[in-house]
Amino acid sequence: MILIALGANLSSPVGAPAETVSAALLRLGELGAPAIRISRLYRSRAVPASDQPDFVNAVAVLETKLDPGALMALLHQVEAEFGRTRSQHWEARPLDLDLLAYDEVVTGKKYEESSGSLVLPHPRLQQRRFVLAPLVELAPNWQHPKLGLKAVALLAKLPPGDECIPLEA
């Protein structure tokens, strides 16, 4: 199962964050990585806490023949098409696309921004309610290949806080 997280907290050329997330999924499909399942949209506060606008988040299951590195390059291409620049860590952004997991592939130990090395599964997915809540909606029994825990168990282990609320019923 190929999983990506989507997030946005600034408007893009196509509109507000929710519209951007939807348009990004369509664009990925046009470029050979269609979403075959998509969670609802969620609202969450920025992590780490800041005065940024709230994020719109979702998780999608993709289908693609691209290898993990090529898919990550495609995600960065789509982010750029929607106005994402990478000038400061943790900044507000019109689109954020993270490759959470690529089947059972496990690579690297630690992400290094300077080297651009790809770490799978995503090194912080188990710490993020805004990833785990939509992931549990899609695939509660997905198992983290390094930790051996299902998505639903990872979500249950998170401490209270970090509000993540569905935007639609």
N, C-alpha and C. Protein backbone atom coordinates (compact mmCIF):
# COMPACT_ATOMS: atom_id res chain seq x y z
N MET A 1 0.85 -1.17 0.00
CA MET A 1 0.00 0.00 0.00
C MET A 1 0.89 1.24 0.00
N ILE A 2 0.65 2.12 -0.95
CA ILE A 2 1.40 3.37 -1.06
C ILE A 2 0.54 4.47 -0.45
N LEU A 3 1.04 5.08 0.61
CA LEU A 3 0.29 6.07 1.37
C LEU A 3 0.97 7.43 1.30
N ILE A 4 0.17 8.47 1.06
CA ILE A 4 0.69 9.83 1.14
C ILE A 4 -0.19 10.65 2.08
N ALA A 5 0.42 11.65 2.69
CA ALA A 5 -0.31 12.64 3.48
C ALA A 5 -0.32 13.92 2.68
N LEU A 6 -1.44 14.62 2.76
CA LEU A 6 -1.60 15.90 2.08
C LEU A 6 -1.97 16.94 3.12
N GLY A 7 -1.41 18.13 2.98
CA GLY A 7 -1.75 19.21 3.89
C GLY A 7 -1.59 20.54 3.21
N ALA A 8 -2.32 21.53 3.68
CA ALA A 8 -2.22 22.90 3.17
C ALA A 8 -2.79 23.85 4.21
N ASN A 9 -2.13 25.00 4.37
CA ASN A 9 -2.70 26.02 5.25
C ASN A 9 -2.62 27.43 4.67
N LEU A 10 -2.25 27.52 3.40
CA LEU A 10 -2.29 28.78 2.67
C LEU A 10 -3.03 28.53 1.36
N SER A 11 -3.59 29.57 0.80
CA SER A 11 -4.22 29.44 -0.51
C SER A 11 -3.16 29.21 -1.58
N SER A 12 -3.58 28.56 -2.65
CA SER A 12 -2.71 28.31 -3.79
C SER A 12 -3.34 28.95 -5.02
N PRO A 13 -2.73 28.82 -6.19
CA PRO A 13 -3.35 29.37 -7.39
C PRO A 13 -4.74 28.80 -7.70
N VAL A 14 -5.08 27.64 -7.14
CA VAL A 14 -6.41 27.06 -7.42
C VAL A 14 -7.44 27.38 -6.34
N GLY A 15 -7.02 28.00 -5.24
CA GLY A 15 -7.99 28.38 -4.23
C GLY A 15 -7.53 28.09 -2.81
N ALA A 16 -8.53 27.94 -1.95
CA ALA A 16 -8.31 27.71 -0.52
C ALA A 16 -7.66 26.34 -0.29
N PRO A 17 -7.14 26.08 0.92
CA PRO A 17 -6.47 24.81 1.19
C PRO A 17 -7.26 23.56 0.82
N ALA A 18 -8.55 23.51 1.12
CA ALA A 18 -9.33 22.31 0.78
C ALA A 18 -9.38 22.10 -0.73
N GLU A 19 -9.53 23.18 -1.47
CA GLU A 19 -9.55 23.08 -2.94
C GLU A 19 -8.18 22.64 -3.46
N THR A 20 -7.14 23.12 -2.83
CA THR A 20 -5.78 22.77 -3.23
C THR A 20 -5.52 21.29 -3.05
N VAL A 21 -5.91 20.74 -1.90
CA VAL A 21 -5.71 19.31 -1.64
C VAL A 21 -6.44 18.48 -2.70
N SER A 22 -7.67 18.83 -3.00
CA SER A 22 -8.44 18.10 -4.01
C SER A 22 -7.79 18.22 -5.39
N ALA A 23 -7.35 19.41 -5.76
CA ALA A 23 -6.72 19.62 -7.06
C ALA A 23 -5.38 18.88 -7.15
N ALA A 24 -4.64 18.83 -6.06
CA ALA A 24 -3.36 18.11 -6.05
C ALA A 24 -3.58 16.63 -6.30
N LEU A 25 -4.63 16.06 -5.72
CA LEU A 25 -4.93 14.65 -5.97
C LEU A 25 -5.26 14.40 -7.44
N LEU A 26 -6.00 15.30 -8.05
CA LEU A 26 -6.29 15.18 -9.48
C LEU A 26 -5.01 15.26 -10.30
N ARG A 27 -4.14 16.19 -9.94
CA ARG A 27 -2.88 16.37 -10.67
C ARG A 27 -2.00 15.13 -10.55
N LEU A 28 -1.93 14.54 -9.38
CA LEU A 28 -1.15 13.31 -9.21
C LEU A 28 -1.67 12.21 -10.14
N GLY A 29 -2.99 12.12 -10.27
CA GLY A 29 -3.57 11.14 -11.18
C GLY A 29 -3.18 11.39 -12.62
N GLU A 30 -3.18 12.66 -13.02
CA GLU A 30 -2.78 13.02 -14.39
C GLU A 30 -1.32 12.63 -14.66
N LEU A 31 -0.50 12.64 -13.61
CA LEU A 31 0.93 12.38 -13.77
C LEU A 31 1.31 10.93 -13.48
N GLY A 32 0.33 10.04 -13.36
CA GLY A 32 0.63 8.62 -13.23
C GLY A 32 0.61 8.07 -11.82
N ALA A 33 0.03 8.79 -10.89
CA ALA A 33 -0.06 8.30 -9.50
C ALA A 33 -1.46 8.60 -8.96
N PRO A 34 -2.49 7.95 -9.53
CA PRO A 34 -3.86 8.24 -9.10
C PRO A 34 -4.16 7.74 -7.68
N ALA A 35 -5.00 8.49 -7.00
CA ALA A 35 -5.48 8.08 -5.68
C ALA A 35 -6.61 7.07 -5.90
N ILE A 36 -6.50 5.94 -5.22
CA ILE A 36 -7.56 4.93 -5.33
C ILE A 36 -8.48 4.96 -4.11
N ARG A 37 -8.01 5.57 -3.04
CA ARG A 37 -8.85 5.83 -1.86
C ARG A 37 -8.35 7.10 -1.20
N ILE A 38 -9.30 7.89 -0.69
CA ILE A 38 -8.97 9.18 -0.08
C ILE A 38 -9.77 9.33 1.21
N SER A 39 -9.12 9.78 2.26
CA SER A 39 -9.83 10.05 3.51
C SER A 39 -10.66 11.31 3.36
N ARG A 40 -11.48 11.57 4.36
CA ARG A 40 -12.13 12.87 4.45
C ARG A 40 -11.05 13.91 4.70
N LEU A 41 -11.42 15.16 4.56
CA LEU A 41 -10.53 16.26 4.92
C LEU A 41 -10.66 16.53 6.41
N TYR A 42 -9.55 16.87 7.04
CA TYR A 42 -9.49 17.16 8.47
C TYR A 42 -8.90 18.54 8.67
N ARG A 43 -9.24 19.17 9.77
CA ARG A 43 -8.65 20.43 10.19
C ARG A 43 -7.76 20.15 11.39
N SER A 44 -6.55 20.70 11.35
CA SER A 44 -5.65 20.55 12.49
C SER A 44 -4.81 21.81 12.64
N ARG A 45 -4.28 21.98 13.83
CA ARG A 45 -3.38 23.10 14.09
C ARG A 45 -1.98 22.74 13.61
N ALA A 46 -1.18 23.76 13.37
CA ALA A 46 0.19 23.55 12.92
C ALA A 46 0.98 22.82 13.99
N VAL A 47 1.87 21.93 13.55
CA VAL A 47 2.79 21.22 14.43
C VAL A 47 4.19 21.47 13.89
N PRO A 48 5.09 22.01 14.73
CA PRO A 48 4.89 22.42 16.10
C PRO A 48 3.97 23.65 16.18
N ALA A 49 3.42 23.85 17.37
CA ALA A 49 2.46 24.94 17.58
C ALA A 49 3.05 26.28 17.16
N SER A 50 2.23 27.07 16.48
CA SER A 50 2.66 28.39 16.03
C SER A 50 1.41 29.23 15.78
N ASP A 51 1.61 30.43 15.27
CA ASP A 51 0.48 31.29 14.96
C ASP A 51 0.03 31.14 13.50
N GLN A 52 0.48 30.08 12.83
CA GLN A 52 0.06 29.83 11.45
C GLN A 52 -1.44 29.51 11.40
N PRO A 53 -2.04 29.68 10.21
CA PRO A 53 -3.43 29.24 10.05
C PRO A 53 -3.52 27.72 10.22
N ASP A 54 -4.72 27.24 10.57
CA ASP A 54 -4.94 25.80 10.67
C ASP A 54 -4.70 25.14 9.32
N PHE A 55 -4.36 23.85 9.37
CA PHE A 55 -4.13 23.05 8.17
C PHE A 55 -5.39 22.29 7.79
N VAL A 56 -5.51 22.00 6.51
CA VAL A 56 -6.44 21.01 5.99
C VAL A 56 -5.57 19.81 5.66
N ASN A 57 -5.93 18.64 6.17
CA ASN A 57 -5.14 17.43 5.98
C ASN A 57 -5.98 16.30 5.43
N ALA A 58 -5.32 15.37 4.77
CA ALA A 58 -5.95 14.13 4.29
C ALA A 58 -4.85 13.10 4.08
N VAL A 59 -5.27 11.86 3.91
CA VAL A 59 -4.37 10.77 3.54
C VAL A 59 -5.00 10.07 2.34
N ALA A 60 -4.14 9.63 1.43
CA ALA A 60 -4.63 8.92 0.24
C ALA A 60 -3.78 7.69 -0.01
N VAL A 61 -4.43 6.69 -0.60
CA VAL A 61 -3.74 5.50 -1.09
C VAL A 61 -3.55 5.72 -2.59
N LEU A 62 -2.30 5.62 -3.04
CA LEU A 62 -2.00 5.82 -4.45
C LEU A 62 -1.73 4.49 -5.13
N GLU A 63 -1.89 4.52 -6.45
CA GLU A 63 -1.51 3.38 -7.28
C GLU A 63 -0.55 3.93 -8.32
N THR A 64 0.64 3.37 -8.38
CA THR A 64 1.63 3.87 -9.34
C THR A 64 2.68 2.81 -9.60
N LYS A 65 3.31 2.92 -10.75
CA LYS A 65 4.44 2.06 -11.10
C LYS A 65 5.76 2.76 -10.79
N LEU A 66 5.69 4.02 -10.34
CA LEU A 66 6.90 4.75 -9.98
C LEU A 66 7.55 4.13 -8.76
N ASP A 67 8.88 4.11 -8.74
CA ASP A 67 9.57 3.63 -7.54
C ASP A 67 9.52 4.73 -6.48
N PRO A 68 9.88 4.43 -5.24
CA PRO A 68 9.75 5.44 -4.16
C PRO A 68 10.47 6.76 -4.45
N GLY A 69 11.68 6.70 -4.98
CA GLY A 69 12.41 7.94 -5.27
C GLY A 69 11.73 8.77 -6.34
N ALA A 70 11.27 8.12 -7.39
CA ALA A 70 10.59 8.84 -8.47
C ALA A 70 9.26 9.41 -7.98
N LEU A 71 8.57 8.66 -7.12
CA LEU A 71 7.31 9.17 -6.57
C LEU A 71 7.57 10.38 -5.69
N MET A 72 8.62 10.34 -4.87
CA MET A 72 8.94 11.49 -4.03
C MET A 72 9.25 12.72 -4.89
N ALA A 73 9.99 12.52 -5.99
CA ALA A 73 10.28 13.62 -6.90
C ALA A 73 8.98 14.17 -7.51
N LEU A 74 8.05 13.29 -7.84
CA LEU A 74 6.76 13.73 -8.37
C LEU A 74 5.98 14.54 -7.34
N LEU A 75 6.00 14.09 -6.08
CA LEU A 75 5.31 14.84 -5.02
C LEU A 75 5.90 16.25 -4.89
N HIS A 76 7.22 16.35 -4.95
CA HIS A 76 7.86 17.67 -4.87
C HIS A 76 7.50 18.52 -6.09
N GLN A 77 7.42 17.91 -7.27
CA GLN A 77 7.03 18.64 -8.48
C GLN A 77 5.62 19.22 -8.33
N VAL A 78 4.69 18.41 -7.83
CA VAL A 78 3.31 18.87 -7.67
C VAL A 78 3.24 19.97 -6.61
N GLU A 79 3.98 19.82 -5.52
CA GLU A 79 4.02 20.90 -4.52
C GLU A 79 4.45 22.21 -5.17
N ALA A 80 5.49 22.17 -5.98
CA ALA A 80 5.98 23.37 -6.64
C ALA A 80 4.94 23.95 -7.60
N GLU A 81 4.23 23.09 -8.31
CA GLU A 81 3.19 23.56 -9.23
C GLU A 81 2.10 24.33 -8.49
N PHE A 82 1.88 23.99 -7.23
CA PHE A 82 0.85 24.65 -6.45
C PHE A 82 1.41 25.78 -5.59
N GLY A 83 2.66 26.17 -5.84
CA GLY A 83 3.23 27.35 -5.19
C GLY A 83 4.10 27.09 -3.98
N ARG A 84 4.43 25.84 -3.70
CA ARG A 84 5.28 25.54 -2.54
C ARG A 84 6.72 25.91 -2.82
N THR A 85 7.30 26.66 -1.91
CA THR A 85 8.74 26.91 -1.91
C THR A 85 9.28 26.40 -0.59
N ARG A 86 10.52 26.05 -0.56
CA ARG A 86 11.13 25.51 0.66
C ARG A 86 12.20 26.47 1.14
N SER A 87 11.77 27.50 1.88
CA SER A 87 12.72 28.49 2.36
C SER A 87 12.96 28.41 3.86
N GLN A 88 12.01 27.83 4.58
CA GLN A 88 12.14 27.76 6.04
C GLN A 88 11.44 26.50 6.53
N HIS A 89 12.07 25.81 7.48
CA HIS A 89 11.49 24.59 8.05
C HIS A 89 10.23 24.95 8.84
N TRP A 90 9.18 24.13 8.72
CA TRP A 90 7.92 24.28 9.44
C TRP A 90 7.12 25.52 9.03
N GLU A 91 7.39 26.07 7.87
CA GLU A 91 6.67 27.27 7.45
C GLU A 91 5.27 26.94 6.95
N ALA A 92 4.40 27.96 6.93
CA ALA A 92 3.08 27.83 6.32
C ALA A 92 3.29 27.54 4.84
N ARG A 93 2.35 26.78 4.23
CA ARG A 93 2.55 26.40 2.84
C ARG A 93 1.23 26.11 2.13
N PRO A 94 1.23 26.36 0.81
CA PRO A 94 0.02 26.08 0.05
C PRO A 94 -0.20 24.60 -0.18
N LEU A 95 0.86 23.79 -0.11
CA LEU A 95 0.70 22.35 -0.29
C LEU A 95 1.89 21.61 0.30
N ASP A 96 1.59 20.54 1.02
CA ASP A 96 2.62 19.67 1.57
C ASP A 96 2.21 18.25 1.24
N LEU A 97 3.07 17.52 0.54
CA LEU A 97 2.81 16.13 0.19
C LEU A 97 3.92 15.28 0.78
N ASP A 98 3.57 14.35 1.65
CA ASP A 98 4.55 13.47 2.28
C ASP A 98 4.29 12.03 1.88
N LEU A 99 5.34 11.34 1.48
CA LEU A 99 5.25 9.91 1.22
C LEU A 99 5.36 9.22 2.58
N LEU A 100 4.26 8.64 3.02
CA LEU A 100 4.22 8.00 4.34
C LEU A 100 4.79 6.59 4.30
N ALA A 101 4.36 5.81 3.31
CA ALA A 101 4.79 4.42 3.22
C ALA A 101 4.66 3.96 1.78
N TYR A 102 5.56 3.06 1.40
CA TYR A 102 5.54 2.48 0.06
C TYR A 102 5.63 0.97 0.25
N ASP A 103 4.46 0.35 0.25
CA ASP A 103 4.35 -1.08 0.54
C ASP A 103 5.12 -1.39 1.83
N GLU A 104 5.97 -2.37 1.80
CA GLU A 104 6.73 -2.75 3.00
C GLU A 104 8.16 -2.21 2.98
N VAL A 105 8.44 -1.28 2.09
CA VAL A 105 9.80 -0.75 1.93
C VAL A 105 10.22 -0.01 3.21
N VAL A 106 11.43 -0.32 3.67
CA VAL A 106 12.04 0.37 4.81
C VAL A 106 13.40 0.87 4.33
N THR A 107 13.60 2.19 4.42
CA THR A 107 14.87 2.78 4.00
C THR A 107 15.36 3.76 5.06
N GLY A 108 16.66 3.92 5.14
CA GLY A 108 17.26 4.95 5.98
C GLY A 108 16.84 4.89 7.43
N LYS A 109 17.50 5.68 8.22
CA LYS A 109 17.18 5.78 9.64
C LYS A 109 16.66 7.15 10.00
N LYS A 110 17.20 8.18 9.34
CA LYS A 110 16.86 9.54 9.71
C LYS A 110 16.86 10.40 8.46
N TYR A 111 15.82 11.22 8.32
CA TYR A 111 15.75 12.11 7.16
C TYR A 111 16.74 13.25 7.34
N GLU A 112 17.49 13.51 6.31
CA GLU A 112 18.42 14.63 6.33
C GLU A 112 18.01 15.58 5.22
N GLU A 113 17.47 16.74 5.59
CA GLU A 113 16.98 17.72 4.63
C GLU A 113 18.05 18.08 3.61
N SER A 114 19.28 18.24 4.07
CA SER A 114 20.34 18.67 3.16
C SER A 114 20.65 17.63 2.10
N SER A 115 20.57 16.35 2.45
CA SER A 115 20.90 15.30 1.48
C SER A 115 19.68 14.89 0.67
N GLY A 116 18.50 15.19 1.19
CA GLY A 116 17.29 14.79 0.49
C GLY A 116 17.06 13.29 0.53
N SER A 117 17.70 12.60 1.45
CA SER A 117 17.55 11.15 1.53
C SER A 117 16.12 10.79 1.91
N LEU A 118 15.62 9.74 1.29
CA LEU A 118 14.26 9.29 1.51
C LEU A 118 14.23 8.25 2.61
N VAL A 119 13.41 8.49 3.62
CA VAL A 119 13.25 7.55 4.73
C VAL A 119 11.83 7.01 4.68
N LEU A 120 11.71 5.70 4.64
CA LEU A 120 10.41 5.03 4.64
C LEU A 120 10.38 3.96 5.70
N PRO A 121 9.26 3.84 6.39
CA PRO A 121 8.13 4.76 6.35
C PRO A 121 8.54 6.13 6.89
N HIS A 122 7.66 7.13 6.67
CA HIS A 122 7.95 8.49 7.11
C HIS A 122 8.36 8.47 8.58
N PRO A 123 9.46 9.12 8.93
CA PRO A 123 10.01 8.97 10.29
C PRO A 123 9.17 9.56 11.42
N ARG A 124 8.19 10.39 11.11
CA ARG A 124 7.38 10.98 12.19
C ARG A 124 5.89 10.66 12.08
N LEU A 125 5.51 9.78 11.18
CA LEU A 125 4.07 9.54 11.00
C LEU A 125 3.41 9.04 12.27
N GLN A 126 4.10 8.26 13.08
CA GLN A 126 3.51 7.71 14.31
C GLN A 126 3.34 8.75 15.41
N GLN A 127 3.85 9.97 15.20
CA GLN A 127 3.74 11.04 16.19
C GLN A 127 2.67 12.06 15.83
N ARG A 128 2.00 11.88 14.70
CA ARG A 128 1.16 12.93 14.16
C ARG A 128 -0.31 12.51 14.05
N ARG A 129 -1.11 13.10 14.90
CA ARG A 129 -2.56 12.83 14.86
C ARG A 129 -3.15 13.22 13.51
N PHE A 130 -2.66 14.32 12.92
CA PHE A 130 -3.21 14.79 11.65
C PHE A 130 -2.89 13.83 10.49
N VAL A 131 -1.98 12.91 10.70
CA VAL A 131 -1.72 11.83 9.74
C VAL A 131 -2.47 10.57 10.15
N LEU A 132 -2.39 10.22 11.42
CA LEU A 132 -2.97 8.96 11.87
C LEU A 132 -4.50 8.93 11.84
N ALA A 133 -5.16 10.04 12.16
CA ALA A 133 -6.63 10.04 12.14
C ALA A 133 -7.17 9.74 10.74
N PRO A 134 -6.70 10.44 9.69
CA PRO A 134 -7.19 10.07 8.36
C PRO A 134 -6.69 8.70 7.89
N LEU A 135 -5.50 8.30 8.33
CA LEU A 135 -4.99 6.98 7.97
C LEU A 135 -5.86 5.88 8.56
N VAL A 136 -6.26 6.04 9.81
CA VAL A 136 -7.12 5.05 10.45
C VAL A 136 -8.47 4.97 9.73
N GLU A 137 -8.96 6.10 9.25
CA GLU A 137 -10.20 6.10 8.48
C GLU A 137 -10.08 5.22 7.24
N LEU A 138 -8.93 5.30 6.56
CA LEU A 138 -8.71 4.54 5.32
C LEU A 138 -8.28 3.11 5.56
N ALA A 139 -7.35 2.92 6.48
CA ALA A 139 -6.71 1.61 6.64
C ALA A 139 -6.34 1.37 8.10
N PRO A 140 -7.34 1.12 8.95
CA PRO A 140 -7.05 0.96 10.38
C PRO A 140 -6.10 -0.19 10.68
N ASN A 141 -6.06 -1.18 9.81
CA ASN A 141 -5.20 -2.34 10.04
C ASN A 141 -3.86 -2.27 9.31
N TRP A 142 -3.58 -1.11 8.67
CA TRP A 142 -2.25 -0.95 8.07
C TRP A 142 -1.22 -1.09 9.18
N GLN A 143 -0.18 -1.86 8.93
CA GLN A 143 0.85 -2.10 9.95
C GLN A 143 2.15 -1.40 9.59
N HIS A 144 2.64 -0.64 10.55
CA HIS A 144 3.92 0.07 10.39
C HIS A 144 5.02 -0.99 10.25
N PRO A 145 5.76 -0.99 9.13
CA PRO A 145 6.73 -2.06 8.90
C PRO A 145 7.93 -2.07 9.85
N LYS A 146 8.22 -0.96 10.50
CA LYS A 146 9.33 -0.94 11.46
C LYS A 146 8.85 -1.17 12.89
N LEU A 147 7.71 -0.59 13.24
CA LEU A 147 7.22 -0.66 14.62
C LEU A 147 6.34 -1.89 14.88
N GLY A 148 5.79 -2.46 13.81
CA GLY A 148 4.95 -3.64 13.95
C GLY A 148 3.58 -3.36 14.54
N LEU A 149 3.18 -2.11 14.61
CA LEU A 149 1.88 -1.74 15.17
C LEU A 149 0.93 -1.30 14.06
N LYS A 150 -0.34 -1.60 14.24
CA LYS A 150 -1.36 -1.18 13.29
C LYS A 150 -1.65 0.31 13.48
N ALA A 151 -2.17 0.93 12.43
CA ALA A 151 -2.48 2.36 12.48
C ALA A 151 -3.38 2.71 13.65
N VAL A 152 -4.39 1.90 13.89
CA VAL A 152 -5.33 2.18 14.99
C VAL A 152 -4.61 2.16 16.34
N ALA A 153 -3.63 1.27 16.51
CA ALA A 153 -2.86 1.21 17.76
C ALA A 153 -1.93 2.42 17.88
N LEU A 154 -1.34 2.85 16.77
CA LEU A 154 -0.49 4.04 16.81
C LEU A 154 -1.28 5.27 17.22
N LEU A 155 -2.49 5.41 16.67
CA LEU A 155 -3.34 6.54 17.03
C LEU A 155 -3.72 6.48 18.51
N ALA A 156 -4.05 5.31 19.00
CA ALA A 156 -4.45 5.16 20.41
C ALA A 156 -3.31 5.49 21.36
N LYS A 157 -2.06 5.34 20.93
CA LYS A 157 -0.90 5.61 21.78
C LYS A 157 -0.58 7.09 21.92
N LEU A 158 -1.15 7.93 21.06
CA LEU A 158 -0.84 9.36 21.12
C LEU A 158 -1.42 9.99 22.38
N PRO A 159 -0.70 10.92 22.98
CA PRO A 159 -1.25 11.62 24.14
C PRO A 159 -2.41 12.51 23.70
N PRO A 160 -3.28 12.89 24.63
CA PRO A 160 -4.38 13.78 24.28
C PRO A 160 -3.85 15.11 23.76
N GLY A 161 -4.68 15.78 22.99
CA GLY A 161 -4.30 17.07 22.42
C GLY A 161 -4.21 16.98 20.92
N ASP A 162 -3.52 17.95 20.33
CA ASP A 162 -3.38 17.99 18.88
C ASP A 162 -4.69 17.66 18.16
N GLU A 163 -5.64 18.53 18.31
CA GLU A 163 -6.96 18.39 17.73
C GLU A 163 -6.88 18.11 16.22
N CYS A 164 -7.68 17.16 15.76
CA CYS A 164 -7.77 16.82 14.34
C CYS A 164 -9.23 16.47 14.08
N ILE A 165 -9.95 17.38 13.42
CA ILE A 165 -11.40 17.28 13.29
C ILE A 165 -11.81 17.14 11.84
N PRO A 166 -12.64 16.15 11.51
CA PRO A 166 -13.12 16.03 10.12
C PRO A 166 -13.90 17.28 9.71
N LEU A 167 -13.69 17.71 8.48
CA LEU A 167 -14.41 18.88 7.97
C LEU A 167 -15.80 18.54 7.48
N GLU A 168 -16.03 17.25 7.21
CA GLU A 168 -17.34 16.80 6.72
C GLU A 168 -17.73 15.52 7.43
N ALA A 169 -19.01 15.25 7.47
CA ALA A 169 -19.48 14.04 8.15
C ALA A 169 -19.32 12.83 7.27
